[in-house]
Amino acid sequence: MADFADRWESKYPYAVRSWKENWDELTVFYDFPLEIRRIIYTTNIIENMNGKIRKYTKNKLSFPSDDAVLKSVYLALREISKKWTMPIHNWGIILNQFLTLFEKRVQL
């Protein structure tokens, strides 16, 4: 954090101050094992979906009509939604980690 602040504090003082003041909350993410962090990181579905829609539509500089935009977004969503039913890689390991970390919350 100190190296980051030294480099960027003069340009982004508010952001650096905010990070310093909230460092404990920001770093809670790193308390989890790597596999769980991957799941947490990749499950921000709205951000992920918006990024994919931008990826599909950025190649077009302009659309001939509003219907063309709607069709492009529809086709992008159709492709994106195919991945929503795919199994999570290493789910057995991840489930065991969840059960270990949150054993008091799980009722088997």
N, C-alpha and C. Protein backbone atom coordinates (compact mmCIF):
# COMPACT_ATOMS: atom_id res chain seq x y z
N MET A 1 0.83 -1.19 0.00
CA MET A 1 0.00 0.00 0.00
C MET A 1 0.87 1.25 0.00
N ALA A 2 1.97 1.18 0.73
CA ALA A 2 2.86 2.35 0.80
C ALA A 2 3.46 2.67 -0.56
N ASP A 3 3.87 1.65 -1.29
CA ASP A 3 4.42 1.86 -2.64
C ASP A 3 3.36 2.45 -3.56
N PHE A 4 2.15 1.93 -3.46
CA PHE A 4 1.04 2.45 -4.27
C PHE A 4 0.78 3.92 -3.94
N ALA A 5 0.73 4.23 -2.65
CA ALA A 5 0.46 5.60 -2.22
C ALA A 5 1.57 6.55 -2.68
N ASP A 6 2.81 6.12 -2.57
CA ASP A 6 3.93 6.97 -3.01
C ASP A 6 3.80 7.34 -4.48
N ARG A 7 3.38 6.37 -5.27
CA ARG A 7 3.31 6.61 -6.72
C ARG A 7 2.07 7.41 -7.13
N TRP A 8 0.91 7.15 -6.51
CA TRP A 8 -0.35 7.69 -7.03
C TRP A 8 -1.03 8.74 -6.17
N GLU A 9 -0.56 8.95 -4.95
CA GLU A 9 -1.26 9.87 -4.04
C GLU A 9 -1.33 11.30 -4.58
N SER A 10 -0.31 11.75 -5.26
CA SER A 10 -0.33 13.12 -5.77
C SER A 10 -1.39 13.28 -6.88
N LYS A 11 -1.62 12.23 -7.64
CA LYS A 11 -2.58 12.30 -8.74
C LYS A 11 -4.00 11.95 -8.30
N TYR A 12 -4.13 10.99 -7.36
CA TYR A 12 -5.44 10.53 -6.90
C TYR A 12 -5.52 10.55 -5.37
N PRO A 13 -5.46 11.70 -4.76
CA PRO A 13 -5.41 11.75 -3.29
C PRO A 13 -6.66 11.17 -2.62
N TYR A 14 -7.83 11.43 -3.20
CA TYR A 14 -9.05 10.92 -2.58
C TYR A 14 -9.09 9.40 -2.60
N ALA A 15 -8.73 8.80 -3.73
CA ALA A 15 -8.75 7.34 -3.85
C ALA A 15 -7.76 6.70 -2.88
N VAL A 16 -6.57 7.24 -2.79
CA VAL A 16 -5.55 6.68 -1.89
C VAL A 16 -6.00 6.82 -0.44
N ARG A 17 -6.55 7.97 -0.09
CA ARG A 17 -7.04 8.17 1.28
C ARG A 17 -8.16 7.18 1.60
N SER A 18 -9.07 6.99 0.65
CA SER A 18 -10.17 6.06 0.84
C SER A 18 -9.66 4.63 1.04
N TRP A 19 -8.69 4.24 0.24
CA TRP A 19 -8.12 2.90 0.39
C TRP A 19 -7.45 2.74 1.75
N LYS A 20 -6.71 3.75 2.17
CA LYS A 20 -6.04 3.66 3.47
C LYS A 20 -7.05 3.56 4.61
N GLU A 21 -8.11 4.35 4.54
CA GLU A 21 -9.12 4.35 5.60
C GLU A 21 -9.92 3.06 5.64
N ASN A 22 -10.05 2.38 4.51
CA ASN A 22 -10.88 1.18 4.43
C ASN A 22 -10.09 -0.08 4.14
N TRP A 23 -8.79 -0.04 4.42
CA TRP A 23 -7.91 -1.14 4.06
C TRP A 23 -8.35 -2.47 4.66
N ASP A 24 -8.79 -2.48 5.91
CA ASP A 24 -9.21 -3.73 6.54
C ASP A 24 -10.40 -4.36 5.81
N GLU A 25 -11.35 -3.53 5.39
CA GLU A 25 -12.51 -4.06 4.66
C GLU A 25 -12.14 -4.50 3.25
N LEU A 26 -11.21 -3.78 2.63
CA LEU A 26 -10.82 -4.12 1.26
C LEU A 26 -10.02 -5.41 1.18
N THR A 27 -9.30 -5.74 2.21
CA THR A 27 -8.43 -6.92 2.16
C THR A 27 -9.07 -8.17 2.74
N VAL A 28 -10.29 -8.11 3.20
CA VAL A 28 -10.98 -9.30 3.72
C VAL A 28 -11.03 -10.39 2.64
N PHE A 29 -11.15 -9.97 1.41
CA PHE A 29 -11.18 -10.88 0.26
C PHE A 29 -10.00 -11.86 0.30
N TYR A 30 -8.83 -11.40 0.72
CA TYR A 30 -7.63 -12.24 0.71
C TYR A 30 -7.57 -13.23 1.87
N ASP A 31 -8.53 -13.18 2.78
CA ASP A 31 -8.59 -14.17 3.86
C ASP A 31 -9.09 -15.52 3.36
N PHE A 32 -9.74 -15.53 2.20
CA PHE A 32 -10.29 -16.76 1.64
C PHE A 32 -9.24 -17.50 0.82
N PRO A 33 -9.36 -18.84 0.71
CA PRO A 33 -8.45 -19.59 -0.16
C PRO A 33 -8.61 -19.14 -1.62
N LEU A 34 -7.60 -19.40 -2.42
CA LEU A 34 -7.57 -18.96 -3.81
C LEU A 34 -8.79 -19.42 -4.60
N GLU A 35 -9.21 -20.66 -4.42
CA GLU A 35 -10.36 -21.18 -5.18
C GLU A 35 -11.63 -20.41 -4.86
N ILE A 36 -11.85 -20.09 -3.60
CA ILE A 36 -13.04 -19.33 -3.21
C ILE A 36 -12.93 -17.90 -3.73
N ARG A 37 -11.73 -17.32 -3.70
CA ARG A 37 -11.56 -15.95 -4.24
C ARG A 37 -11.92 -15.91 -5.72
N ARG A 38 -11.56 -16.95 -6.46
CA ARG A 38 -11.92 -17.00 -7.88
C ARG A 38 -13.42 -17.00 -8.07
N ILE A 39 -14.13 -17.74 -7.22
CA ILE A 39 -15.59 -17.78 -7.32
C ILE A 39 -16.18 -16.41 -6.96
N ILE A 40 -15.70 -15.81 -5.89
CA ILE A 40 -16.19 -14.50 -5.48
C ILE A 40 -15.94 -13.48 -6.58
N TYR A 41 -14.76 -13.51 -7.14
CA TYR A 41 -14.39 -12.54 -8.17
C TYR A 41 -15.22 -12.71 -9.44
N THR A 42 -15.49 -13.95 -9.80
CA THR A 42 -16.18 -14.19 -11.08
C THR A 42 -17.69 -14.17 -10.95
N THR A 43 -18.22 -14.01 -9.75
CA THR A 43 -19.67 -14.05 -9.62
C THR A 43 -20.33 -12.68 -9.65
N ASN A 44 -19.60 -11.66 -9.94
CA ASN A 44 -20.25 -10.36 -10.11
C ASN A 44 -20.89 -10.37 -11.49
N ILE A 45 -22.04 -10.98 -11.56
CA ILE A 45 -22.68 -11.29 -12.84
C ILE A 45 -23.06 -10.06 -13.64
N ILE A 46 -23.47 -9.01 -12.99
CA ILE A 46 -23.87 -7.81 -13.74
C ILE A 46 -22.67 -7.16 -14.40
N GLU A 47 -21.57 -7.04 -13.64
CA GLU A 47 -20.36 -6.46 -14.21
C GLU A 47 -19.84 -7.32 -15.35
N ASN A 48 -19.85 -8.63 -15.15
CA ASN A 48 -19.40 -9.56 -16.18
C ASN A 48 -20.27 -9.45 -17.43
N MET A 49 -21.57 -9.42 -17.23
CA MET A 49 -22.50 -9.34 -18.35
C MET A 49 -22.32 -8.03 -19.12
N ASN A 50 -22.19 -6.92 -18.42
CA ASN A 50 -21.97 -5.64 -19.09
C ASN A 50 -20.69 -5.65 -19.91
N GLY A 51 -19.65 -6.24 -19.36
CA GLY A 51 -18.38 -6.34 -20.09
C GLY A 51 -18.52 -7.15 -21.36
N LYS A 52 -19.25 -8.25 -21.26
CA LYS A 52 -19.45 -9.10 -22.45
C LYS A 52 -20.29 -8.38 -23.50
N ILE A 53 -21.30 -7.67 -23.07
CA ILE A 53 -22.13 -6.91 -24.04
C ILE A 53 -21.27 -5.86 -24.73
N ARG A 54 -20.42 -5.16 -23.96
CA ARG A 54 -19.52 -4.18 -24.56
C ARG A 54 -18.59 -4.84 -25.57
N LYS A 55 -18.11 -6.03 -25.22
CA LYS A 55 -17.21 -6.75 -26.11
C LYS A 55 -17.90 -7.06 -27.45
N TYR A 56 -19.16 -7.48 -27.38
CA TYR A 56 -19.90 -7.81 -28.59
C TYR A 56 -20.27 -6.57 -29.41
N THR A 57 -20.49 -5.45 -28.75
CA THR A 57 -20.97 -4.27 -29.48
C THR A 57 -19.87 -3.26 -29.83
N LYS A 58 -18.69 -3.37 -29.24
CA LYS A 58 -17.66 -2.35 -29.47
C LYS A 58 -17.10 -2.38 -30.89
N ASN A 59 -17.22 -3.51 -31.56
CA ASN A 59 -16.69 -3.60 -32.92
C ASN A 59 -17.49 -2.76 -33.91
N LYS A 60 -18.71 -2.44 -33.55
CA LYS A 60 -19.55 -1.61 -34.41
C LYS A 60 -19.36 -0.15 -34.03
N LEU A 61 -19.04 0.67 -35.01
CA LEU A 61 -18.88 2.09 -34.74
C LEU A 61 -20.24 2.78 -34.65
N SER A 62 -21.19 2.28 -35.42
CA SER A 62 -22.54 2.82 -35.36
C SER A 62 -23.52 1.74 -35.79
N PHE A 63 -24.73 1.88 -35.34
CA PHE A 63 -25.78 0.94 -35.70
C PHE A 63 -26.78 1.66 -36.60
N PRO A 64 -27.31 0.97 -37.61
CA PRO A 64 -28.23 1.63 -38.53
C PRO A 64 -29.57 2.01 -37.89
N SER A 65 -29.95 1.27 -36.82
CA SER A 65 -31.24 1.57 -36.18
C SER A 65 -31.22 1.09 -34.73
N ASP A 66 -32.24 1.50 -33.99
CA ASP A 66 -32.38 1.03 -32.61
C ASP A 66 -32.61 -0.48 -32.58
N ASP A 67 -33.33 -0.99 -33.56
CA ASP A 67 -33.58 -2.42 -33.62
C ASP A 67 -32.27 -3.20 -33.80
N ALA A 68 -31.33 -2.63 -34.55
CA ALA A 68 -30.04 -3.29 -34.74
C ALA A 68 -29.28 -3.39 -33.42
N VAL A 69 -29.37 -2.35 -32.60
CA VAL A 69 -28.72 -2.37 -31.28
C VAL A 69 -29.38 -3.44 -30.41
N LEU A 70 -30.70 -3.45 -30.39
CA LEU A 70 -31.42 -4.44 -29.59
C LEU A 70 -31.08 -5.87 -30.03
N LYS A 71 -31.01 -6.08 -31.32
CA LYS A 71 -30.69 -7.42 -31.83
C LYS A 71 -29.27 -7.81 -31.42
N SER A 72 -28.33 -6.89 -31.51
CA SER A 72 -26.95 -7.16 -31.14
C SER A 72 -26.84 -7.51 -29.65
N VAL A 73 -27.53 -6.76 -28.81
CA VAL A 73 -27.51 -7.04 -27.37
C VAL A 73 -28.19 -8.37 -27.08
N TYR A 74 -29.30 -8.65 -27.76
CA TYR A 74 -30.00 -9.92 -27.58
C TYR A 74 -29.08 -11.09 -27.93
N LEU A 75 -28.39 -11.01 -29.06
CA LEU A 75 -27.50 -12.09 -29.47
C LEU A 75 -26.33 -12.24 -28.49
N ALA A 76 -25.82 -11.12 -27.98
CA ALA A 76 -24.76 -11.18 -26.99
C ALA A 76 -25.25 -11.88 -25.73
N LEU A 77 -26.43 -11.53 -25.26
CA LEU A 77 -26.99 -12.16 -24.05
C LEU A 77 -27.23 -13.65 -24.26
N ARG A 78 -27.63 -14.01 -25.46
CA ARG A 78 -27.85 -15.42 -25.76
C ARG A 78 -26.54 -16.21 -25.63
N GLU A 79 -25.46 -15.65 -26.14
CA GLU A 79 -24.15 -16.30 -26.03
C GLU A 79 -23.65 -16.32 -24.59
N ILE A 80 -23.83 -15.22 -23.90
CA ILE A 80 -23.37 -15.11 -22.51
C ILE A 80 -24.10 -16.12 -21.63
N SER A 81 -25.39 -16.25 -21.81
CA SER A 81 -26.19 -17.11 -20.93
C SER A 81 -25.86 -18.59 -21.08
N LYS A 82 -25.20 -18.99 -22.14
CA LYS A 82 -24.81 -20.40 -22.30
C LYS A 82 -23.84 -20.83 -21.20
N LYS A 83 -23.02 -19.91 -20.74
CA LYS A 83 -22.02 -20.24 -19.72
C LYS A 83 -22.62 -20.28 -18.31
N TRP A 84 -23.82 -19.78 -18.13
CA TRP A 84 -24.40 -19.73 -16.79
C TRP A 84 -24.73 -21.11 -16.24
N THR A 85 -24.86 -22.09 -17.09
CA THR A 85 -25.22 -23.43 -16.62
C THR A 85 -24.00 -24.36 -16.55
N MET A 86 -22.83 -23.84 -16.87
CA MET A 86 -21.63 -24.66 -16.82
C MET A 86 -21.24 -24.94 -15.36
N PRO A 87 -20.74 -26.15 -15.08
CA PRO A 87 -20.32 -26.44 -13.71
C PRO A 87 -19.09 -25.64 -13.31
N ILE A 88 -18.95 -25.42 -12.02
CA ILE A 88 -17.80 -24.68 -11.49
C ILE A 88 -16.62 -25.63 -11.38
N HIS A 89 -15.49 -25.22 -11.93
CA HIS A 89 -14.27 -26.02 -11.91
C HIS A 89 -13.82 -26.27 -10.47
N ASN A 90 -13.47 -27.50 -10.14
CA ASN A 90 -13.00 -27.91 -8.80
C ASN A 90 -14.05 -27.66 -7.72
N TRP A 91 -15.32 -27.86 -8.03
CA TRP A 91 -16.38 -27.60 -7.06
C TRP A 91 -16.23 -28.41 -5.78
N GLY A 92 -15.77 -29.66 -5.88
CA GLY A 92 -15.60 -30.50 -4.69
C GLY A 92 -14.63 -29.88 -3.70
N ILE A 93 -13.52 -29.39 -4.19
CA ILE A 93 -12.51 -28.74 -3.32
C ILE A 93 -13.11 -27.47 -2.71
N ILE A 94 -13.79 -26.69 -3.53
CA ILE A 94 -14.37 -25.43 -3.07
C ILE A 94 -15.44 -25.68 -2.02
N LEU A 95 -16.28 -26.68 -2.25
CA LEU A 95 -17.33 -27.01 -1.28
C LEU A 95 -16.71 -27.41 0.06
N ASN A 96 -15.65 -28.22 0.03
CA ASN A 96 -14.98 -28.59 1.28
C ASN A 96 -14.41 -27.38 2.00
N GLN A 97 -13.87 -26.43 1.26
CA GLN A 97 -13.35 -25.21 1.88
C GLN A 97 -14.47 -24.40 2.52
N PHE A 98 -15.61 -24.28 1.81
CA PHE A 98 -16.76 -23.59 2.40
C PHE A 98 -17.23 -24.29 3.67
N LEU A 99 -17.32 -25.61 3.62
CA LEU A 99 -17.77 -26.37 4.79
C LEU A 99 -16.82 -26.20 5.97
N THR A 100 -15.53 -26.11 5.69
CA THR A 100 -14.55 -25.91 6.75
C THR A 100 -14.63 -24.50 7.32
N LEU A 101 -14.72 -23.51 6.44
CA LEU A 101 -14.76 -22.12 6.89
C LEU A 101 -16.05 -21.75 7.60
N PHE A 102 -17.16 -22.32 7.14
CA PHE A 102 -18.47 -21.93 7.65
C PHE A 102 -19.22 -23.12 8.24
N GLU A 103 -18.52 -23.96 8.97
CA GLU A 103 -19.13 -25.18 9.48
C GLU A 103 -20.34 -24.92 10.38
N LYS A 104 -20.36 -23.80 11.09
CA LYS A 104 -21.49 -23.51 11.98
C LYS A 104 -22.73 -23.07 11.20
N ARG A 105 -22.55 -22.62 9.96
CA ARG A 105 -23.68 -22.17 9.15
C ARG A 105 -24.33 -23.27 8.34
N VAL A 106 -23.63 -24.38 8.17
CA VAL A 106 -24.10 -25.46 7.29
C VAL A 106 -24.79 -26.53 8.13
N GLN A 107 -25.97 -26.91 7.69
CA GLN A 107 -26.71 -27.99 8.34
C GLN A 107 -26.82 -29.13 7.34
N LEU A 108 -26.18 -30.24 7.65
CA LEU A 108 -26.25 -31.40 6.75
C LEU A 108 -27.26 -32.40 7.23
